[in-house]
C-alpha cells in the first residue's frame, strides 16, 4: 500500500487499516506501507514523522520511505491510499479501494481490501469487480530535483 501521514483519506481509515492489516497477517498475508511523497514540500511526511505515526498507531507492518519515488513509479501508484494485492505467485490480483467510505465517513459499509485479500489467499485470484482507490495525489518531485537527486 502507498500511504502518507498528511492525507485526510489515509487519516480517516488509519485505525481500520491497522486492524485490517492484522487480520491479513493472521491468515499469513504480508503487508507493507510505502510513503513516496516529496518531503521537501510536505515535511509532515518525512521519515521522522513516519516513525511517530507508525509508533502512535502500533503498525505491525513496515512503513518504508521511497525517497527516489522510483518504487511508486514502478507500481504505477497515483494516490494515497493506493492498494495493491498480490497472490503467492506475485501476480497482481487487486488494485482497488480500502472500503466504501469517503474521507469523512466514520463507518464503512464494506472492507473491500480485506475481502479481496481473503479471496486471493483462498483462491489465488482477486475479485472481478474492483473500484479504484480515491485519495490525495502522490506529491511528485519536480523534474530538476529528480535529475539532481
N, C-alpha and C. Protein backbone atom coordinates (compact mmCIF):
# COMPACT_ATOMS: atom_id res chain seq x y z
N UNK A 1 0.83 -1.18 0.00
CA UNK A 1 0.00 0.00 0.00
C UNK A 1 0.87 1.23 0.00
N UNK A 2 0.40 2.27 -0.63
CA UNK A 2 1.05 3.56 -0.61
C UNK A 2 0.19 4.47 0.26
N UNK A 3 0.79 5.00 1.31
CA UNK A 3 0.10 5.90 2.22
C UNK A 3 1.04 7.07 2.54
N UNK A 4 0.52 8.04 3.25
CA UNK A 4 1.35 9.13 3.78
C UNK A 4 0.70 9.64 5.04
N UNK A 5 1.40 10.49 5.75
CA UNK A 5 0.92 10.99 7.03
C UNK A 5 -0.16 12.05 6.90
N UNK A 6 -0.02 12.97 5.93
CA UNK A 6 -0.87 14.15 5.92
C UNK A 6 -2.21 13.98 5.20
N UNK A 7 -2.38 12.96 4.42
CA UNK A 7 -3.58 12.80 3.60
C UNK A 7 -4.82 12.54 4.46
N UNK A 8 -5.88 13.35 4.30
CA UNK A 8 -7.09 13.13 5.09
C UNK A 8 -7.77 11.79 4.79
N UNK A 9 -7.59 11.27 3.58
CA UNK A 9 -8.16 9.97 3.25
C UNK A 9 -7.47 8.87 4.05
N UNK A 10 -6.14 8.95 4.16
CA UNK A 10 -5.39 7.99 4.96
C UNK A 10 -5.74 8.16 6.43
N UNK A 11 -5.78 9.38 6.91
CA UNK A 11 -6.11 9.63 8.31
C UNK A 11 -7.47 9.06 8.68
N UNK A 12 -8.44 9.15 7.75
CA UNK A 12 -9.79 8.66 8.03
C UNK A 12 -9.85 7.15 8.19
N UNK A 13 -8.96 6.43 7.50
CA UNK A 13 -9.02 4.96 7.56
C UNK A 13 -7.98 4.34 8.48
N UNK A 14 -7.09 5.14 9.04
CA UNK A 14 -5.93 4.60 9.74
C UNK A 14 -6.25 3.55 10.81
N UNK A 15 -7.17 3.80 11.74
CA UNK A 15 -7.46 2.75 12.73
C UNK A 15 -7.98 1.46 12.08
N UNK A 16 -8.85 1.61 11.09
CA UNK A 16 -9.38 0.43 10.38
C UNK A 16 -8.30 -0.25 9.56
N UNK A 17 -7.40 0.53 8.99
CA UNK A 17 -6.31 -0.03 8.19
C UNK A 17 -5.40 -0.88 9.06
N UNK A 18 -5.05 -0.39 10.23
CA UNK A 18 -4.19 -1.15 11.15
C UNK A 18 -4.86 -2.47 11.52
N UNK A 19 -6.15 -2.45 11.80
CA UNK A 19 -6.89 -3.67 12.12
C UNK A 19 -6.98 -4.60 10.92
N UNK A 20 -7.21 -4.06 9.74
CA UNK A 20 -7.27 -4.87 8.52
C UNK A 20 -5.94 -5.58 8.27
N UNK A 21 -4.84 -4.85 8.45
CA UNK A 21 -3.53 -5.47 8.26
C UNK A 21 -3.35 -6.62 9.26
N UNK A 22 -3.74 -6.43 10.49
CA UNK A 22 -3.61 -7.51 11.49
C UNK A 22 -4.47 -8.72 11.09
N UNK A 23 -5.65 -8.46 10.56
CA UNK A 23 -6.49 -9.56 10.07
C UNK A 23 -5.83 -10.28 8.90
N UNK A 24 -5.20 -9.53 8.02
CA UNK A 24 -4.48 -10.14 6.90
C UNK A 24 -3.29 -10.96 7.41
N UNK A 25 -2.54 -10.40 8.33
CA UNK A 25 -1.38 -11.11 8.88
C UNK A 25 -1.79 -12.39 9.59
N UNK A 26 -2.97 -12.39 10.20
CA UNK A 26 -3.46 -13.59 10.90
C UNK A 26 -3.70 -14.74 9.94
N UNK A 27 -3.95 -14.43 8.66
CA UNK A 27 -4.13 -15.50 7.67
C UNK A 27 -2.93 -15.57 6.72
N UNK A 28 -1.78 -15.14 7.23
CA UNK A 28 -0.48 -15.27 6.55
C UNK A 28 -0.33 -14.41 5.30
N UNK A 29 -0.98 -13.25 5.30
CA UNK A 29 -0.81 -12.29 4.21
C UNK A 29 0.13 -11.20 4.70
N UNK A 30 1.24 -11.02 4.02
CA UNK A 30 2.19 -9.97 4.39
C UNK A 30 1.73 -8.62 3.87
N UNK A 31 2.08 -7.59 4.60
CA UNK A 31 1.69 -6.23 4.23
C UNK A 31 2.86 -5.27 4.44
N UNK A 32 2.94 -4.27 3.60
CA UNK A 32 3.95 -3.23 3.73
C UNK A 32 3.33 -1.92 3.25
N UNK A 33 3.70 -0.83 3.92
CA UNK A 33 3.26 0.50 3.51
C UNK A 33 4.48 1.26 2.99
N UNK A 34 4.25 2.07 1.96
CA UNK A 34 5.32 2.84 1.34
C UNK A 34 4.85 4.30 1.25
N UNK A 35 5.75 5.21 1.61
CA UNK A 35 5.46 6.64 1.52
C UNK A 35 6.40 7.22 0.47
N UNK A 36 5.82 7.76 -0.61
CA UNK A 36 6.62 8.23 -1.74
C UNK A 36 6.55 9.74 -1.97
N UNK A 37 5.89 10.47 -1.10
CA UNK A 37 5.74 11.91 -1.32
C UNK A 37 7.06 12.67 -1.23
N UNK A 38 7.08 13.81 -1.87
CA UNK A 38 8.19 14.76 -1.82
C UNK A 38 8.17 15.42 -0.44
N UNK A 39 9.13 15.09 0.41
CA UNK A 39 9.12 15.62 1.77
C UNK A 39 9.65 17.05 1.86
N UNK A 40 10.26 17.54 0.80
CA UNK A 40 10.65 18.95 0.81
C UNK A 40 9.41 19.84 0.81
N UNK A 41 8.40 19.44 0.06
CA UNK A 41 7.16 20.20 0.00
C UNK A 41 6.16 19.77 1.09
N UNK A 42 6.32 18.56 1.59
CA UNK A 42 5.40 18.01 2.60
C UNK A 42 6.22 17.42 3.75
N UNK A 43 6.84 18.27 4.57
CA UNK A 43 7.72 17.79 5.64
C UNK A 43 7.00 16.92 6.68
N UNK A 44 5.68 17.05 6.79
CA UNK A 44 4.93 16.20 7.72
C UNK A 44 4.94 14.73 7.31
N UNK A 45 5.39 14.44 6.10
CA UNK A 45 5.51 13.07 5.62
C UNK A 45 6.94 12.53 5.74
N UNK A 46 7.83 13.27 6.37
CA UNK A 46 9.24 12.87 6.49
C UNK A 46 9.40 11.60 7.33
N UNK A 47 10.53 10.92 7.19
CA UNK A 47 10.77 9.70 7.96
C UNK A 47 10.60 9.86 9.47
N UNK A 48 10.97 11.00 10.02
CA UNK A 48 10.79 11.23 11.47
C UNK A 48 9.30 11.17 11.82
N UNK A 49 8.48 11.81 11.00
CA UNK A 49 7.04 11.82 11.25
C UNK A 49 6.41 10.46 10.90
N UNK A 50 6.96 9.78 9.91
CA UNK A 50 6.50 8.42 9.59
C UNK A 50 6.70 7.50 10.79
N UNK A 51 7.87 7.58 11.41
CA UNK A 51 8.16 6.74 12.57
C UNK A 51 7.18 7.02 13.70
N UNK A 52 6.91 8.30 13.94
CA UNK A 52 5.97 8.67 15.00
C UNK A 52 4.58 8.12 14.71
N UNK A 53 4.12 8.28 13.47
CA UNK A 53 2.80 7.76 13.10
C UNK A 53 2.74 6.25 13.30
N UNK A 54 3.78 5.56 12.86
CA UNK A 54 3.82 4.09 13.00
C UNK A 54 3.79 3.68 14.46
N UNK A 55 4.52 4.37 15.30
CA UNK A 55 4.53 4.05 16.74
C UNK A 55 3.20 4.40 17.40
N UNK A 56 2.68 5.59 17.09
CA UNK A 56 1.41 6.03 17.69
C UNK A 56 0.25 5.12 17.35
N UNK A 57 0.28 4.53 16.14
CA UNK A 57 -0.83 3.67 15.69
C UNK A 57 -0.47 2.18 15.76
N UNK A 58 0.66 1.87 16.35
CA UNK A 58 1.07 0.48 16.57
C UNK A 58 1.07 -0.34 15.28
N UNK A 59 1.74 0.21 14.25
CA UNK A 59 1.84 -0.51 12.99
C UNK A 59 2.51 -1.87 13.24
N UNK A 60 1.93 -2.91 12.68
CA UNK A 60 2.51 -4.25 12.75
C UNK A 60 3.16 -4.61 11.41
N UNK A 61 3.42 -3.61 10.61
CA UNK A 61 3.96 -3.78 9.26
C UNK A 61 5.01 -2.70 9.01
N UNK A 62 5.94 -2.97 8.11
CA UNK A 62 6.94 -1.95 7.77
C UNK A 62 6.30 -0.75 7.09
N UNK A 63 6.81 0.44 7.41
CA UNK A 63 6.40 1.69 6.78
C UNK A 63 7.66 2.28 6.17
N UNK A 64 7.79 2.17 4.87
CA UNK A 64 9.03 2.46 4.17
C UNK A 64 8.98 3.79 3.43
N UNK A 65 10.12 4.44 3.34
CA UNK A 65 10.24 5.72 2.65
C UNK A 65 10.86 5.50 1.28
N UNK A 66 10.15 5.87 0.24
CA UNK A 66 10.59 5.78 -1.15
C UNK A 66 11.17 7.14 -1.57
N UNK A 67 12.37 7.41 -1.12
CA UNK A 67 12.98 8.72 -1.33
C UNK A 67 13.10 9.09 -2.81
N UNK A 68 13.48 8.13 -3.65
CA UNK A 68 13.67 8.41 -5.07
C UNK A 68 12.36 8.45 -5.85
N UNK A 69 11.29 7.96 -5.26
CA UNK A 69 9.97 7.84 -5.87
C UNK A 69 9.93 6.80 -6.99
N UNK A 70 11.00 6.05 -7.15
CA UNK A 70 11.05 5.02 -8.19
C UNK A 70 10.11 3.86 -7.90
N UNK A 71 9.93 3.52 -6.64
CA UNK A 71 9.02 2.41 -6.29
C UNK A 71 7.60 2.78 -6.70
N UNK A 72 7.16 3.97 -6.35
CA UNK A 72 5.81 4.41 -6.72
C UNK A 72 5.64 4.41 -8.24
N UNK A 73 6.65 4.86 -8.94
CA UNK A 73 6.57 4.89 -10.40
C UNK A 73 6.48 3.49 -10.98
N UNK A 74 7.28 2.56 -10.45
CA UNK A 74 7.24 1.19 -10.96
C UNK A 74 5.91 0.51 -10.69
N UNK A 75 5.31 0.80 -9.55
CA UNK A 75 3.99 0.24 -9.24
C UNK A 75 2.88 0.94 -10.03
N UNK A 76 3.13 2.16 -10.45
CA UNK A 76 2.07 2.94 -11.06
C UNK A 76 1.14 3.54 -10.02
N UNK A 77 1.65 3.74 -8.81
CA UNK A 77 0.85 4.33 -7.74
C UNK A 77 0.52 5.77 -8.11
N UNK A 78 -0.70 6.18 -7.79
CA UNK A 78 -1.10 7.54 -8.15
C UNK A 78 -1.65 8.34 -6.98
N UNK A 79 -2.03 7.68 -5.91
CA UNK A 79 -2.64 8.41 -4.80
C UNK A 79 -2.32 7.75 -3.47
N UNK A 80 -2.69 8.45 -2.41
CA UNK A 80 -2.64 7.87 -1.08
C UNK A 80 -4.05 7.96 -0.50
N UNK A 81 -4.58 6.84 -0.09
CA UNK A 81 -4.00 5.50 -0.15
C UNK A 81 -4.18 4.85 -1.52
N UNK A 82 -3.29 3.96 -1.84
CA UNK A 82 -3.37 3.17 -3.08
C UNK A 82 -2.96 1.75 -2.72
N UNK A 83 -3.82 0.78 -3.03
CA UNK A 83 -3.63 -0.60 -2.57
C UNK A 83 -3.37 -1.56 -3.72
N UNK A 84 -2.45 -2.48 -3.50
CA UNK A 84 -2.06 -3.50 -4.47
C UNK A 84 -2.06 -4.84 -3.74
N UNK A 85 -2.83 -5.80 -4.23
CA UNK A 85 -2.88 -7.11 -3.62
C UNK A 85 -2.37 -8.18 -4.57
N UNK A 86 -1.41 -8.95 -4.08
CA UNK A 86 -0.75 -9.97 -4.91
C UNK A 86 -1.04 -11.37 -4.38
N UNK A 87 -1.04 -12.35 -5.30
CA UNK A 87 -1.17 -13.74 -4.88
C UNK A 87 0.21 -14.31 -4.56
N UNK A 88 0.27 -15.58 -4.22
CA UNK A 88 1.54 -16.20 -3.81
C UNK A 88 2.55 -16.30 -4.95
N UNK A 89 2.08 -16.13 -6.20
CA UNK A 89 2.99 -16.14 -7.35
C UNK A 89 3.37 -14.72 -7.78
N UNK A 90 3.05 -13.76 -6.92
CA UNK A 90 3.32 -12.35 -7.14
C UNK A 90 2.58 -11.78 -8.35
N UNK A 91 1.43 -12.35 -8.64
CA UNK A 91 0.56 -11.81 -9.67
C UNK A 91 -0.39 -10.80 -9.05
N UNK A 92 -0.46 -9.62 -9.65
CA UNK A 92 -1.35 -8.58 -9.15
C UNK A 92 -2.80 -9.03 -9.31
N UNK A 93 -3.52 -9.09 -8.20
CA UNK A 93 -4.90 -9.55 -8.20
C UNK A 93 -5.88 -8.49 -7.71
N UNK A 94 -5.37 -7.47 -7.06
CA UNK A 94 -6.26 -6.43 -6.55
C UNK A 94 -5.59 -5.07 -6.66
N UNK A 95 -6.30 -4.14 -7.23
CA UNK A 95 -5.88 -2.75 -7.30
C UNK A 95 -7.15 -1.95 -7.08
N UNK A 96 -7.46 -1.72 -5.81
CA UNK A 96 -8.73 -1.09 -5.52
C UNK A 96 -8.73 -0.31 -4.23
N UNK A 97 -9.92 0.08 -3.84
CA UNK A 97 -10.10 0.91 -2.67
C UNK A 97 -10.01 0.11 -1.38
N UNK A 98 -9.88 0.82 -0.28
CA UNK A 98 -9.87 0.19 1.04
C UNK A 98 -11.27 -0.23 1.43
N UNK A 99 -12.19 0.71 1.41
CA UNK A 99 -13.58 0.41 1.74
C UNK A 99 -14.49 1.44 1.08
N UNK A 100 -15.75 1.40 1.42
CA UNK A 100 -16.71 2.22 0.71
C UNK A 100 -16.93 3.61 1.31
N UNK A 101 -16.19 3.95 2.35
CA UNK A 101 -16.36 5.29 2.94
C UNK A 101 -15.63 6.34 2.13
N UNK A 102 -16.03 7.57 2.32
CA UNK A 102 -15.28 8.71 1.78
C UNK A 102 -14.27 9.15 2.82
N UNK A 103 -13.70 10.33 2.64
CA UNK A 103 -12.65 10.76 3.57
C UNK A 103 -13.18 11.18 4.92
N UNK A 104 -14.49 11.37 5.06
CA UNK A 104 -15.01 11.80 6.36
C UNK A 104 -16.01 10.83 6.97
N UNK A 105 -16.48 9.84 6.23
CA UNK A 105 -17.46 8.90 6.78
C UNK A 105 -16.81 8.09 7.90
N UNK A 106 -17.57 7.82 8.94
CA UNK A 106 -16.98 7.13 10.09
C UNK A 106 -17.12 5.62 10.04
N UNK A 107 -18.17 5.11 9.42
CA UNK A 107 -18.37 3.66 9.42
C UNK A 107 -18.44 3.12 7.99
N UNK A 108 -17.51 2.26 7.62
CA UNK A 108 -17.55 1.72 6.26
C UNK A 108 -18.68 0.71 6.08
N UNK A 109 -19.23 0.70 4.89
CA UNK A 109 -20.26 -0.30 4.58
C UNK A 109 -19.61 -1.61 4.17
N UNK A 110 -18.38 -1.54 3.71
CA UNK A 110 -17.68 -2.75 3.30
C UNK A 110 -16.18 -2.52 3.48
N UNK A 111 -15.45 -3.61 3.62
CA UNK A 111 -13.99 -3.51 3.65
C UNK A 111 -13.49 -4.26 2.42
N UNK A 112 -13.47 -3.56 1.31
CA UNK A 112 -13.12 -4.16 0.02
C UNK A 112 -11.73 -4.80 0.04
N UNK A 113 -10.78 -4.12 0.66
CA UNK A 113 -9.41 -4.64 0.69
C UNK A 113 -9.34 -5.97 1.44
N UNK A 114 -9.92 -6.03 2.61
CA UNK A 114 -9.87 -7.27 3.39
C UNK A 114 -10.56 -8.41 2.66
N UNK A 115 -11.73 -8.14 2.11
CA UNK A 115 -12.45 -9.19 1.39
C UNK A 115 -11.66 -9.66 0.17
N UNK A 116 -11.05 -8.74 -0.54
CA UNK A 116 -10.23 -9.11 -1.71
C UNK A 116 -9.04 -9.95 -1.28
N UNK A 117 -8.37 -9.55 -0.21
CA UNK A 117 -7.19 -10.29 0.23
C UNK A 117 -7.55 -11.69 0.74
N UNK A 118 -8.69 -11.82 1.40
CA UNK A 118 -9.16 -13.15 1.82
C UNK A 118 -9.41 -14.02 0.60
N UNK A 119 -10.03 -13.44 -0.42
CA UNK A 119 -10.32 -14.19 -1.65
C UNK A 119 -9.03 -14.62 -2.33
N UNK A 120 -8.06 -13.72 -2.39
CA UNK A 120 -6.78 -14.05 -3.01
C UNK A 120 -6.08 -15.15 -2.23
N UNK A 121 -6.10 -15.07 -0.91
CA UNK A 121 -5.46 -16.10 -0.08
C UNK A 121 -6.12 -17.46 -0.29
N UNK A 122 -7.43 -17.46 -0.48
CA UNK A 122 -8.17 -18.72 -0.62
C UNK A 122 -8.09 -19.29 -2.03
N UNK A 123 -8.20 -18.42 -3.06
CA UNK A 123 -8.32 -18.92 -4.43
C UNK A 123 -7.13 -18.58 -5.33
N UNK A 124 -6.33 -17.60 -4.92
CA UNK A 124 -5.24 -17.13 -5.77
C UNK A 124 -5.66 -16.03 -6.72
N UNK A 125 -6.94 -15.69 -6.69
CA UNK A 125 -7.47 -14.68 -7.61
C UNK A 125 -8.26 -13.63 -6.84
N UNK A 126 -8.20 -12.40 -7.34
CA UNK A 126 -8.95 -11.31 -6.75
C UNK A 126 -10.33 -11.19 -7.35
N UNK A 127 -11.14 -10.31 -6.79
CA UNK A 127 -12.50 -10.12 -7.30
C UNK A 127 -12.50 -9.52 -8.70
N UNK A 128 -13.51 -9.82 -9.46
CA UNK A 128 -13.61 -9.26 -10.81
C UNK A 128 -14.04 -7.79 -10.76
N UNK A 129 -14.85 -7.43 -9.78
CA UNK A 129 -15.30 -6.05 -9.63
C UNK A 129 -14.39 -5.33 -8.64
N UNK A 130 -13.61 -4.38 -9.13
CA UNK A 130 -12.69 -3.62 -8.28
C UNK A 130 -12.91 -2.13 -8.52
N UNK A 131 -13.10 -1.41 -7.43
CA UNK A 131 -13.34 0.02 -7.51
C UNK A 131 -12.04 0.74 -7.15
N UNK A 132 -11.56 1.63 -8.01
CA UNK A 132 -10.28 2.30 -7.74
C UNK A 132 -10.31 3.08 -6.42
N UNK A 133 -9.15 3.16 -5.82
CA UNK A 133 -8.99 3.95 -4.60
C UNK A 133 -9.10 5.43 -4.94
N UNK A 134 -9.55 6.21 -3.96
CA UNK A 134 -9.52 7.66 -4.10
C UNK A 134 -8.68 8.22 -2.96
N UNK A 135 -8.09 9.35 -3.19
CA UNK A 135 -7.29 9.96 -2.15
C UNK A 135 -6.53 11.15 -2.69
N UNK A 136 -5.48 11.49 -1.98
CA UNK A 136 -4.62 12.61 -2.37
C UNK A 136 -3.60 12.11 -3.40
N UNK A 137 -3.30 12.93 -4.36
CA UNK A 137 -2.30 12.54 -5.35
C UNK A 137 -0.94 12.40 -4.68
N UNK A 138 -0.11 11.53 -5.23
CA UNK A 138 1.27 11.45 -4.75
C UNK A 138 1.95 12.76 -5.11
N UNK A 139 2.69 13.28 -4.16
CA UNK A 139 3.36 14.58 -4.34
C UNK A 139 4.73 14.35 -4.95
N UNK A 140 4.78 14.47 -6.27
CA UNK A 140 5.99 14.18 -7.03
C UNK A 140 6.99 15.30 -6.90
N UNK A 141 8.26 14.93 -6.95
CA UNK A 141 9.33 15.91 -7.01
C UNK A 141 9.33 16.52 -8.40
N UNK A 142 9.80 17.75 -8.51
CA UNK A 142 9.87 18.32 -9.85
C UNK A 142 11.00 17.66 -10.62
N UNK A 143 11.02 17.82 -11.91
CA UNK A 143 11.99 17.15 -12.77
C UNK A 143 13.43 17.53 -12.43
N UNK A 144 13.67 18.78 -12.03
CA UNK A 144 15.03 19.18 -11.69
C UNK A 144 15.56 18.39 -10.51
N UNK A 145 14.75 18.25 -9.46
CA UNK A 145 15.25 17.55 -8.28
C UNK A 145 15.37 16.05 -8.55
N UNK A 146 14.59 15.51 -9.48
CA UNK A 146 14.76 14.09 -9.83
C UNK A 146 16.10 13.91 -10.55
N UNK A 147 16.42 14.81 -11.47
CA UNK A 147 17.68 14.69 -12.21
C UNK A 147 18.88 14.96 -11.31
N UNK A 148 18.75 15.88 -10.35
CA UNK A 148 19.86 16.19 -9.45
C UNK A 148 20.06 15.12 -8.39
N UNK A 149 18.92 14.54 -7.91
CA UNK A 149 18.95 13.63 -6.78
C UNK A 149 19.31 12.25 -7.17
